[in-house]
Amino acid sequence: MQTEPVELEQRTERLERRVDRVEEILPTLVTKADLRVEIKNLRGGIKETEDRLRGEIKEAEQRMRTHFDVVTEALRHDIQIVAEVVAALAERER
């Protein structure tokens, strides 16, 4: 089965059109080097975000500790007042 020259020419033209379309797409495709750069940038961004979040967590922890210290001191003061009142009432009862 021999291919006719016209058929061969048609196949060649179709093949050339397909190659042209592929050549149009190729420049838009991401390369391994592009991906490596993006991954490196993402890792750097993740590290920065992680560091920032760690700092914010430490700040929040310090604020909470300060708050609880204040609450604890106020509670101790209130307990001391109650203890003094109870002691004074017990003294009257005697």
PDB file of N, CA and C in Angstrom:
ATOM      1  N   MET A   1       0.833  -1.168   0.000  1.00  0.00           N
ATOM      2  CA  MET A   1       0.000   0.000   0.000  1.00  0.00           C
ATOM      3  C   MET A   1       0.880   1.234   0.000  1.00  0.00           C
ATOM      4  N   GLN A   2       0.848   1.927  -1.078  1.00  0.00           N
ATOM      5  CA  GLN A   2       1.701   3.084  -1.265  1.00  0.00           C
ATOM      6  C   GLN A   2       0.914   4.352  -0.983  1.00  0.00           C
ATOM      7  N   THR A   3       1.537   5.324  -0.287  1.00  0.00           N
ATOM      8  CA  THR A   3       0.870   6.573   0.045  1.00  0.00           C
ATOM      9  C   THR A   3       0.947   7.502  -1.152  1.00  0.00           C
ATOM     10  N   GLU A   4      -0.194   8.072  -1.461  1.00  0.00           N
ATOM     11  CA  GLU A   4      -0.272   9.016  -2.581  1.00  0.00           C
ATOM     12  C   GLU A   4       0.416  10.315  -2.188  1.00  0.00           C
ATOM     13  N   PRO A   5       1.036  11.009  -3.178  1.00  0.00           N
ATOM     14  CA  PRO A   5       1.698  12.282  -2.877  1.00  0.00           C
ATOM     15  C   PRO A   5       0.761  13.313  -2.263  1.00  0.00           C
ATOM     16  N   VAL A   6      -0.488  13.355  -2.689  1.00  0.00           N
ATOM     17  CA  VAL A   6      -1.455  14.324  -2.146  1.00  0.00           C
ATOM     18  C   VAL A   6      -1.743  13.988  -0.684  1.00  0.00           C
ATOM     19  N   GLU A   7      -1.945  12.721  -0.409  1.00  0.00           N
ATOM     20  CA  GLU A   7      -2.206  12.289   0.969  1.00  0.00           C
ATOM     21  C   GLU A   7      -0.997  12.575   1.851  1.00  0.00           C
ATOM     22  N   LEU A   8       0.168  12.323   1.337  1.00  0.00           N
ATOM     23  CA  LEU A   8       1.394  12.589   2.082  1.00  0.00           C
ATOM     24  C   LEU A   8       1.525  14.081   2.371  1.00  0.00           C
ATOM     25  N   GLU A   9       1.188  14.899   1.406  1.00  0.00           N
ATOM     26  CA  GLU A   9       1.256  16.349   1.586  1.00  0.00           C
ATOM     27  C   GLU A   9       0.239  16.799   2.634  1.00  0.00           C
ATOM     28  N   GLN A  10      -0.948  16.239   2.633  1.00  0.00           N
ATOM     29  CA  GLN A  10      -1.979  16.579   3.620  1.00  0.00           C
ATOM     30  C   GLN A  10      -1.527  16.187   5.029  1.00  0.00           C
ATOM     31  N   ARG A  11      -0.969  15.019   5.149  1.00  0.00           N
ATOM     32  CA  ARG A  11      -0.456  14.576   6.457  1.00  0.00           C
ATOM     33  C   ARG A  11       0.645  15.511   6.946  1.00  0.00           C
ATOM     34  N   THR A  12       1.518  15.888   6.028  1.00  0.00           N
ATOM     35  CA  THR A  12       2.617  16.784   6.384  1.00  0.00           C
ATOM     36  C   THR A  12       2.067  18.132   6.849  1.00  0.00           C
ATOM     37  N   GLU A  13       1.067  18.656   6.161  1.00  0.00           N
ATOM     38  CA  GLU A  13       0.468  19.929   6.543  1.00  0.00           C
ATOM     39  C   GLU A  13      -0.196  19.826   7.925  1.00  0.00           C
ATOM     40  N   ARG A  14      -0.927  18.755   8.188  1.00  0.00           N
ATOM     41  CA  ARG A  14      -1.567  18.554   9.495  1.00  0.00           C
ATOM     42  C   ARG A  14      -0.502  18.473  10.598  1.00  0.00           C
ATOM     43  N   LEU A  15       0.555  17.740  10.297  1.00  0.00           N
ATOM     44  CA  LEU A  15       1.647  17.601  11.265  1.00  0.00           C
ATOM     45  C   LEU A  15       2.289  18.955  11.544  1.00  0.00           C
ATOM     46  N   GLU A  16       2.494  19.757  10.525  1.00  0.00           N
ATOM     47  CA  GLU A  16       3.080  21.083  10.708  1.00  0.00           C
ATOM     48  C   GLU A  16       2.165  21.973  11.547  1.00  0.00           C
ATOM     49  N   ARG A  17       0.848  21.900  11.310  1.00  0.00           N
ATOM     50  CA  ARG A  17      -0.089  22.692  12.118  1.00  0.00           C
ATOM     51  C   ARG A  17      -0.030  22.270  13.588  1.00  0.00           C
ATOM     52  N   ARG A  18       0.030  20.977  13.806  1.00  0.00           N
ATOM     53  CA  ARG A  18       0.113  20.482  15.184  1.00  0.00           C
ATOM     54  C   ARG A  18       1.406  20.943  15.849  1.00  0.00           C
ATOM     55  N   VAL A  19       2.502  20.879  15.115  1.00  0.00           N
ATOM     56  CA  VAL A  19       3.788  21.335  15.662  1.00  0.00           C
ATOM     57  C   VAL A  19       3.723  22.825  15.958  1.00  0.00           C
ATOM     58  N   ASP A  20       3.089  23.589  15.080  1.00  0.00           N
ATOM     59  CA  ASP A  20       2.950  25.029  15.313  1.00  0.00           C
ATOM     60  C   ASP A  20       2.173  25.306  16.599  1.00  0.00           C
ATOM     61  N   ARG A  21       1.096  24.559  16.825  1.00  0.00           N
ATOM     62  CA  ARG A  21       0.315  24.743  18.048  1.00  0.00           C
ATOM     63  C   ARG A  21       1.137  24.400  19.287  1.00  0.00           C
ATOM     64  N   VAL A  22       1.898  23.316  19.192  1.00  0.00           N
ATOM     65  CA  VAL A  22       2.756  22.932  20.322  1.00  0.00           C
ATOM     66  C   VAL A  22       3.797  24.015  20.578  1.00  0.00           C
ATOM     67  N   GLU A  23       4.373  24.558  19.533  1.00  0.00           N
ATOM     68  CA  GLU A  23       5.382  25.617  19.686  1.00  0.00           C
ATOM     69  C   GLU A  23       4.778  26.876  20.308  1.00  0.00           C
ATOM     70  N   GLU A  24       3.504  27.129  20.060  1.00  0.00           N
ATOM     71  CA  GLU A  24       2.837  28.271  20.682  1.00  0.00           C
ATOM     72  C   GLU A  24       2.653  28.048  22.180  1.00  0.00           C
ATOM     73  N   ILE A  25       2.378  26.828  22.566  1.00  0.00           N
ATOM     74  CA  ILE A  25       2.110  26.501  23.966  1.00  0.00           C
ATOM     75  C   ILE A  25       3.400  26.396  24.783  1.00  0.00           C
ATOM     76  N   LEU A  26       4.447  25.884  24.185  1.00  0.00           N
ATOM     77  CA  LEU A  26       5.689  25.616  24.928  1.00  0.00           C
ATOM     78  C   LEU A  26       6.197  26.794  25.756  1.00  0.00           C
ATOM     79  N   PRO A  27       6.246  28.005  25.229  1.00  0.00           N
ATOM     80  CA  PRO A  27       6.781  29.108  26.042  1.00  0.00           C
ATOM     81  C   PRO A  27       5.953  29.412  27.294  1.00  0.00           C
ATOM     82  N   THR A  28       4.701  28.989  27.297  1.00  0.00           N
ATOM     83  CA  THR A  28       3.849  29.287  28.461  1.00  0.00           C
ATOM     84  C   THR A  28       3.961  28.234  29.552  1.00  0.00           C
ATOM     85  N   LEU A  29       4.599  27.123  29.255  1.00  0.00           N
ATOM     86  CA  LEU A  29       4.700  26.042  30.241  1.00  0.00           C
ATOM     87  C   LEU A  29       5.763  26.353  31.286  1.00  0.00           C
ATOM     88  N   VAL A  30       5.507  25.904  32.492  1.00  0.00           N
ATOM     89  CA  VAL A  30       6.434  26.104  33.606  1.00  0.00           C
ATOM     90  C   VAL A  30       7.565  25.090  33.499  1.00  0.00           C
ATOM     91  N   THR A  31       8.780  25.545  33.770  1.00  0.00           N
ATOM     92  CA  THR A  31       9.938  24.645  33.733  1.00  0.00           C
ATOM     93  C   THR A  31      10.266  24.161  35.142  1.00  0.00           C
ATOM     94  N   LYS A  32      11.128  23.178  35.215  1.00  0.00           N
ATOM     95  CA  LYS A  32      11.576  22.691  36.532  1.00  0.00           C
ATOM     96  C   LYS A  32      12.257  23.816  37.300  1.00  0.00           C
ATOM     97  N   ALA A  33      13.042  24.613  36.599  1.00  0.00           N
ATOM     98  CA  ALA A  33      13.733  25.732  37.264  1.00  0.00           C
ATOM     99  C   ALA A  33      12.718  26.723  37.827  1.00  0.00           C
ATOM    100  N   ASP A  34      11.666  27.006  37.054  1.00  0.00           N
ATOM    101  CA  ASP A  34      10.602  27.902  37.545  1.00  0.00           C
ATOM    102  C   ASP A  34       9.972  27.336  38.809  1.00  0.00           C
ATOM    103  N   LEU A  35       9.683  26.043  38.794  1.00  0.00           N
ATOM    104  CA  LEU A  35       9.072  25.402  39.956  1.00  0.00           C
ATOM    105  C   LEU A  35       9.993  25.449  41.165  1.00  0.00           C
ATOM    106  N   ARG A  36      11.271  25.223  40.933  1.00  0.00           N
ATOM    107  CA  ARG A  36      12.234  25.264  42.055  1.00  0.00           C
ATOM    108  C   ARG A  36      12.265  26.655  42.686  1.00  0.00           C
ATOM    109  N   VAL A  37      12.262  27.680  41.843  1.00  0.00           N
ATOM    110  CA  VAL A  37      12.270  29.056  42.360  1.00  0.00           C
ATOM    111  C   VAL A  37      11.002  29.319  43.173  1.00  0.00           C
ATOM    112  N   GLU A  38       9.856  28.911  42.647  1.00  0.00           N
ATOM    113  CA  GLU A  38       8.595  29.130  43.350  1.00  0.00           C
ATOM    114  C   GLU A  38       8.546  28.368  44.667  1.00  0.00           C
ATOM    115  N   ILE A  39       9.037  27.140  44.668  1.00  0.00           N
ATOM    116  CA  ILE A  39       9.063  26.347  45.903  1.00  0.00           C
ATOM    117  C   ILE A  39       9.959  27.013  46.933  1.00  0.00           C
ATOM    118  N   LYS A  40      11.097  27.500  46.475  1.00  0.00           N
ATOM    119  CA  LYS A  40      12.012  28.193  47.393  1.00  0.00           C
ATOM    120  C   LYS A  40      11.344  29.436  47.972  1.00  0.00           C
ATOM    121  N   ASN A  41      10.644  30.185  47.121  1.00  0.00           N
ATOM    122  CA  ASN A  41       9.938  31.377  47.594  1.00  0.00           C
ATOM    123  C   ASN A  41       8.842  31.008  48.594  1.00  0.00           C
ATOM    124  N   LEU A  42       8.110  29.927  48.294  1.00  0.00           N
ATOM    125  CA  LEU A  42       7.052  29.492  49.212  1.00  0.00           C
ATOM    126  C   LEU A  42       7.629  29.069  50.549  1.00  0.00           C
ATOM    127  N   ARG A  43       8.726  28.341  50.512  1.00  0.00           N
ATOM    128  CA  ARG A  43       9.354  27.916  51.777  1.00  0.00           C
ATOM    129  C   ARG A  43       9.789  29.118  52.583  1.00  0.00           C
ATOM    130  N   GLY A  44      10.362  30.113  51.901  1.00  0.00           N
ATOM    131  CA  GLY A  44      10.766  31.335  52.591  1.00  0.00           C
ATOM    132  C   GLY A  44       9.572  32.042  53.190  1.00  0.00           C
ATOM    133  N   GLY A  45       8.476  32.096  52.435  1.00  0.00           N
ATOM    134  CA  GLY A  45       7.254  32.727  52.937  1.00  0.00           C
ATOM    135  C   GLY A  45       6.678  31.970  54.118  1.00  0.00           C
ATOM    136  N   ILE A  46       6.744  30.659  54.049  1.00  0.00           N
ATOM    137  CA  ILE A  46       6.251  29.834  55.154  1.00  0.00           C
ATOM    138  C   ILE A  46       7.101  30.078  56.394  1.00  0.00           C
ATOM    139  N   LYS A  47       8.410  30.158  56.216  1.00  0.00           N
ATOM    140  CA  LYS A  47       9.316  30.398  57.343  1.00  0.00           C
ATOM    141  C   LYS A  47       9.031  31.759  57.975  1.00  0.00           C
ATOM    142  N   GLU A  48       8.836  32.779  57.127  1.00  0.00           N
ATOM    143  CA  GLU A  48       8.517  34.110  57.650  1.00  0.00           C
ATOM    144  C   GLU A  48       7.198  34.098  58.420  1.00  0.00           C
ATOM    145  N   THR A  49       6.205  33.439  57.859  1.00  0.00           N
ATOM    146  CA  THR A  49       4.904  33.353  58.520  1.00  0.00           C
ATOM    147  C   THR A  49       5.019  32.601  59.838  1.00  0.00           C
ATOM    148  N   GLU A  50       5.770  31.518  59.817  1.00  0.00           N
ATOM    149  CA  GLU A  50       5.971  30.729  61.035  1.00  0.00           C
ATOM    150  C   GLU A  50       6.647  31.573  62.113  1.00  0.00           C
ATOM    151  N   ASP A  51       7.685  32.301  61.739  1.00  0.00           N
ATOM    152  CA  ASP A  51       8.393  33.152  62.703  1.00  0.00           C
ATOM    153  C   ASP A  51       7.473  34.240  63.256  1.00  0.00           C
ATOM    154  N   ARG A  52       6.675  34.844  62.361  1.00  0.00           N
ATOM    155  CA  ARG A  52       5.751  35.895  62.796  1.00  0.00           C
ATOM    156  C   ARG A  52       4.712  35.330  63.755  1.00  0.00           C
ATOM    157  N   LEU A  53       4.172  34.150  63.428  1.00  0.00           N
ATOM    158  CA  LEU A  53       3.166  33.543  64.296  1.00  0.00           C
ATOM    159  C   LEU A  53       3.755  33.153  65.644  1.00  0.00           C
ATOM    160  N   ARG A  54       4.978  32.641  65.639  1.00  0.00           N
ATOM    161  CA  ARG A  54       5.622  32.310  66.917  1.00  0.00           C
ATOM    162  C   ARG A  54       5.759  33.563  67.783  1.00  0.00           C
ATOM    163  N   GLY A  55       6.143  34.675  67.161  1.00  0.00           N
ATOM    164  CA  GLY A  55       6.264  35.931  67.899  1.00  0.00           C
ATOM    165  C   GLY A  55       4.924  36.392  68.459  1.00  0.00           C
ATOM    166  N   GLU A  56       3.889  36.292  67.631  1.00  0.00           N
ATOM    167  CA  GLU A  56       2.555  36.697  68.086  1.00  0.00           C
ATOM    168  C   GLU A  56       2.067  35.800  69.216  1.00  0.00           C
ATOM    169  N   ILE A  57       2.362  34.512  69.136  1.00  0.00           N
ATOM    170  CA  ILE A  57       1.959  33.581  70.200  1.00  0.00           C
ATOM    171  C   ILE A  57       2.685  33.928  71.493  1.00  0.00           C
ATOM    172  N   LYS A  58       3.978  34.255  71.399  1.00  0.00           N
ATOM    173  CA  LYS A  58       4.730  34.632  72.602  1.00  0.00           C
ATOM    174  C   LYS A  58       4.170  35.908  73.216  1.00  0.00           C
ATOM    175  N   GLU A  59       3.821  36.867  72.356  1.00  0.00           N
ATOM    176  CA  GLU A  59       3.234  38.107  72.870  1.00  0.00           C
ATOM    177  C   GLU A  59       1.895  37.835  73.556  1.00  0.00           C
ATOM    178  N   ALA A  60       1.071  37.010  72.930  1.00  0.00           N
ATOM    179  CA  ALA A  60      -0.234  36.672  73.517  1.00  0.00           C
ATOM    180  C   ALA A  60      -0.037  35.940  74.841  1.00  0.00           C
ATOM    181  N   GLU A  61       0.944  35.050  74.875  1.00  0.00           N
ATOM    182  CA  GLU A  61       1.229  34.316  76.116  1.00  0.00           C
ATOM    183  C   GLU A  61       1.637  35.292  77.225  1.00  0.00           C
ATOM    184  N   GLN A  62       2.477  36.255  76.880  1.00  0.00           N
ATOM    185  CA  GLN A  62       2.928  37.219  77.886  1.00  0.00           C
ATOM    186  C   GLN A  62       1.753  38.062  78.380  1.00  0.00           C
ATOM    187  N   ARG A  63       0.878  38.488  77.459  1.00  0.00           N
ATOM    188  CA  ARG A  63      -0.299  39.266  77.870  1.00  0.00           C
ATOM    189  C   ARG A  63      -1.198  38.440  78.786  1.00  0.00           C
ATOM    190  N   MET A  64      -1.379  37.167  78.455  1.00  0.00           N
ATOM    191  CA  MET A  64      -2.217  36.299  79.295  1.00  0.00           C
ATOM    192  C   MET A  64      -1.599  36.116  80.669  1.00  0.00           C
ATOM    193  N   ARG A  65      -0.291  35.912  80.709  1.00  0.00           N
ATOM    194  CA  ARG A  65       0.376  35.749  82.010  1.00  0.00           C
ATOM    195  C   ARG A  65       0.197  37.007  82.860  1.00  0.00           C
ATOM    196  N   THR A  66       0.386  38.162  82.234  1.00  0.00           N
ATOM    197  CA  THR A  66       0.224  39.425  82.959  1.00  0.00           C
ATOM    198  C   THR A  66      -1.215  39.552  83.464  1.00  0.00           C
ATOM    199  N   HIS A  67      -2.164  39.234  82.598  1.00  0.00           N
ATOM    200  CA  HIS A  67      -3.573  39.306  82.985  1.00  0.00           C
ATOM    201  C   HIS A  67      -3.861  38.374  84.165  1.00  0.00           C
ATOM    202  N   PHE A  68      -3.384  37.136  84.073  1.00  0.00           N
ATOM    203  CA  PHE A  68      -3.641  36.188  85.155  1.00  0.00           C
ATOM    204  C   PHE A  68      -2.916  36.590  86.434  1.00  0.00           C
ATOM    205  N   ASP A  69      -1.749  37.196  86.304  1.00  0.00           N
ATOM    206  CA  ASP A  69      -1.059  37.694  87.499  1.00  0.00           C
ATOM    207  C   ASP A  69      -1.904  38.765  88.196  1.00  0.00           C
ATOM    208  N   VAL A  70      -2.480  39.664  87.410  1.00  0.00           N
ATOM    209  CA  VAL A  70      -3.320  40.723  87.965  1.00  0.00           C
ATOM    210  C   VAL A  70      -4.569  40.115  88.612  1.00  0.00           C
ATOM    211  N   VAL A  71      -5.210  39.180  87.910  1.00  0.00           N
ATOM    212  CA  VAL A  71      -6.417  38.536  88.443  1.00  0.00           C
ATOM    213  C   VAL A  71      -6.080  37.771  89.725  1.00  0.00           C
ATOM    214  N   THR A  72      -4.976  37.062  89.720  1.00  0.00           N
ATOM    215  CA  THR A  72      -4.570  36.284  90.899  1.00  0.00           C
ATOM    216  C   THR A  72      -4.303  37.200  92.088  1.00  0.00           C
ATOM    217  N   GLU A  73      -3.628  38.310  91.829  1.00  0.00           N
ATOM    218  CA  GLU A  73      -3.330  39.245  92.923  1.00  0.00           C
ATOM    219  C   GLU A  73      -4.629  39.829  93.481  1.00  0.00           C
ATOM    220  N   ALA A  74      -5.557  40.178  92.608  1.00  0.00           N
ATOM    221  CA  ALA A  74      -6.848  40.712  93.072  1.00  0.00           C
ATOM    222  C   ALA A  74      -7.603  39.658  93.871  1.00  0.00           C
ATOM    223  N   LEU A  75      -7.551  38.412  93.418  1.00  0.00           N
ATOM    224  CA  LEU A  75      -8.228  37.326  94.125  1.00  0.00           C
ATOM    225  C   LEU A  75      -7.595  37.103  95.496  1.00  0.00           C
ATOM    226  N   ARG A  76      -6.282  37.146  95.565  1.00  0.00           N
ATOM    227  CA  ARG A  76      -5.601  37.003  96.857  1.00  0.00           C
ATOM    228  C   ARG A  76      -6.038  38.120  97.810  1.00  0.00           C
ATOM    229  N   HIS A  77      -6.112  39.311  97.253  1.00  0.00           N
ATOM    230  CA  HIS A  77      -6.528  40.456  98.074  1.00  0.00           C
ATOM    231  C   HIS A  77      -7.953  40.247  98.594  1.00  0.00           C
ATOM    232  N   ASP A  78      -8.850  39.795  97.708  1.00  0.00           N
ATOM    233  CA  ASP A  78     -10.235  39.541  98.122  1.00  0.00           C
ATOM    234  C   ASP A  78     -10.303  38.436  99.179  1.00  0.00           C
ATOM    235  N   ILE A  79      -9.521  37.387  99.004  1.00  0.00           N
ATOM    236  CA  ILE A  79      -9.503  36.282  99.977  1.00  0.00           C
ATOM    237  C   ILE A  79      -8.971  36.781 101.316  1.00  0.00           C
ATOM    238  N   GLN A  80      -7.968  37.639 101.277  1.00  0.00           N
ATOM    239  CA  GLN A  80      -7.415  38.183 102.510  1.00  0.00           C
ATOM    240  C   GLN A  80      -8.480  39.004 103.255  1.00  0.00           C
ATOM    241  N   ILE A  81      -9.241  39.794 102.518  1.00  0.00           N
ATOM    242  CA  ILE A  81     -10.305  40.593 103.138  1.00  0.00           C
ATOM    243  C   ILE A  81     -11.354  39.668 103.762  1.00  0.00           C
ATOM    244  N   VAL A  82     -11.757  38.632 103.044  1.00  0.00           N
ATOM    245  CA  VAL A  82     -12.745  37.687 103.578  1.00  0.00           C
ATOM    246  C   VAL A  82     -12.196  37.023 104.832  1.00  0.00           C
ATOM    247  N   ALA A  83     -10.917  36.630 104.793  1.00  0.00           N
ATOM    248  CA  ALA A  83     -10.311  35.980 105.959  1.00  0.00           C
ATOM    249  C   ALA A  83     -10.300  36.930 107.159  1.00  0.00           C
ATOM    250  N   GLU A  84      -9.987  38.205 106.927  1.00  0.00           N
ATOM    251  CA  GLU A  84      -9.976  39.179 108.025  1.00  0.00           C
ATOM    252  C   GLU A  84     -11.378  39.381 108.599  1.00  0.00           C
ATOM    253  N   VAL A  85     -12.373  39.416 107.705  1.00  0.00           N
ATOM    254  CA  VAL A  85     -13.760  39.582 108.175  1.00  0.00           C
ATOM    255  C   VAL A  85     -14.185  38.362 108.980  1.00  0.00           C
ATOM    256  N   VAL A  86     -13.863  37.167 108.472  1.00  0.00           N
ATOM    257  CA  VAL A  86     -14.193  35.945 109.211  1.00  0.00           C
ATOM    258  C   VAL A  86     -13.495  35.918 110.551  1.00  0.00           C
ATOM    259  N   ALA A  87     -12.229  36.329 110.582  1.00  0.00           N
ATOM    260  CA  ALA A  87     -11.486  36.357 111.853  1.00  0.00           C
ATOM    261  C   ALA A  87     -12.114  37.358 112.809  1.00  0.00           C
ATOM    262  N   ALA A  88     -12.526  38.512 112.294  1.00  0.00           N
ATOM    263  CA  ALA A  88     -13.136  39.537 113.154  1.00  0.00           C
ATOM    264  C   ALA A  88     -14.478  39.028 113.692  1.00  0.00           C
ATOM    265  N   LEU A  89     -15.274  38.350 112.845  1.00  0.00           N
ATOM    266  CA  LEU A  89     -16.534  37.800 113.320  1.00  0.00           C
ATOM    267  C   LEU A  89     -16.315  36.694 114.348  1.00  0.00           C
ATOM    268  N   ALA A  90     -15.308  35.889 114.132  1.00  0.00           N
ATOM    269  CA  ALA A  90     -14.999  34.824 115.082  1.00  0.00           C
ATOM    270  C   ALA A  90     -14.542  35.430 116.401  1.00  0.00           C
ATOM    271  N   GLU A  91     -13.848  36.528 116.346  1.00  0.00           N
ATOM    272  CA  GLU A  91     -13.373  37.204 117.557  1.00  0.00           C
ATOM    273  C   GLU A  91     -14.559  37.757 118.337  1.00  0.00           C
ATOM    274  N   ARG A  92     -15.547  38.283 117.665  1.00  0.00           N
ATOM    275  CA  ARG A  92     -16.752  38.802 118.330  1.00  0.00           C
ATOM    276  C   ARG A  92     -17.532  37.699 119.011  1.00  0.00           C
ATOM    277  N   GLU A  93     -17.554  36.524 118.379  1.00  0.00           N
ATOM    278  CA  GLU A  93     -18.292  35.393 118.917  1.00  0.00           C
ATOM    279  C   GLU A  93     -17.708  34.910 120.233  1.00  0.00           C
ATOM    280  N   ARG A  94     -16.513  35.177 120.515  1.00  0.00           N
ATOM    281  CA  ARG A  94     -15.868  34.674 121.737  1.00  0.00           C
ATOM    282  C   ARG A  94     -16.257  35.430 122.916  1.00  0.00           C
TER     283      ARG A  94
END
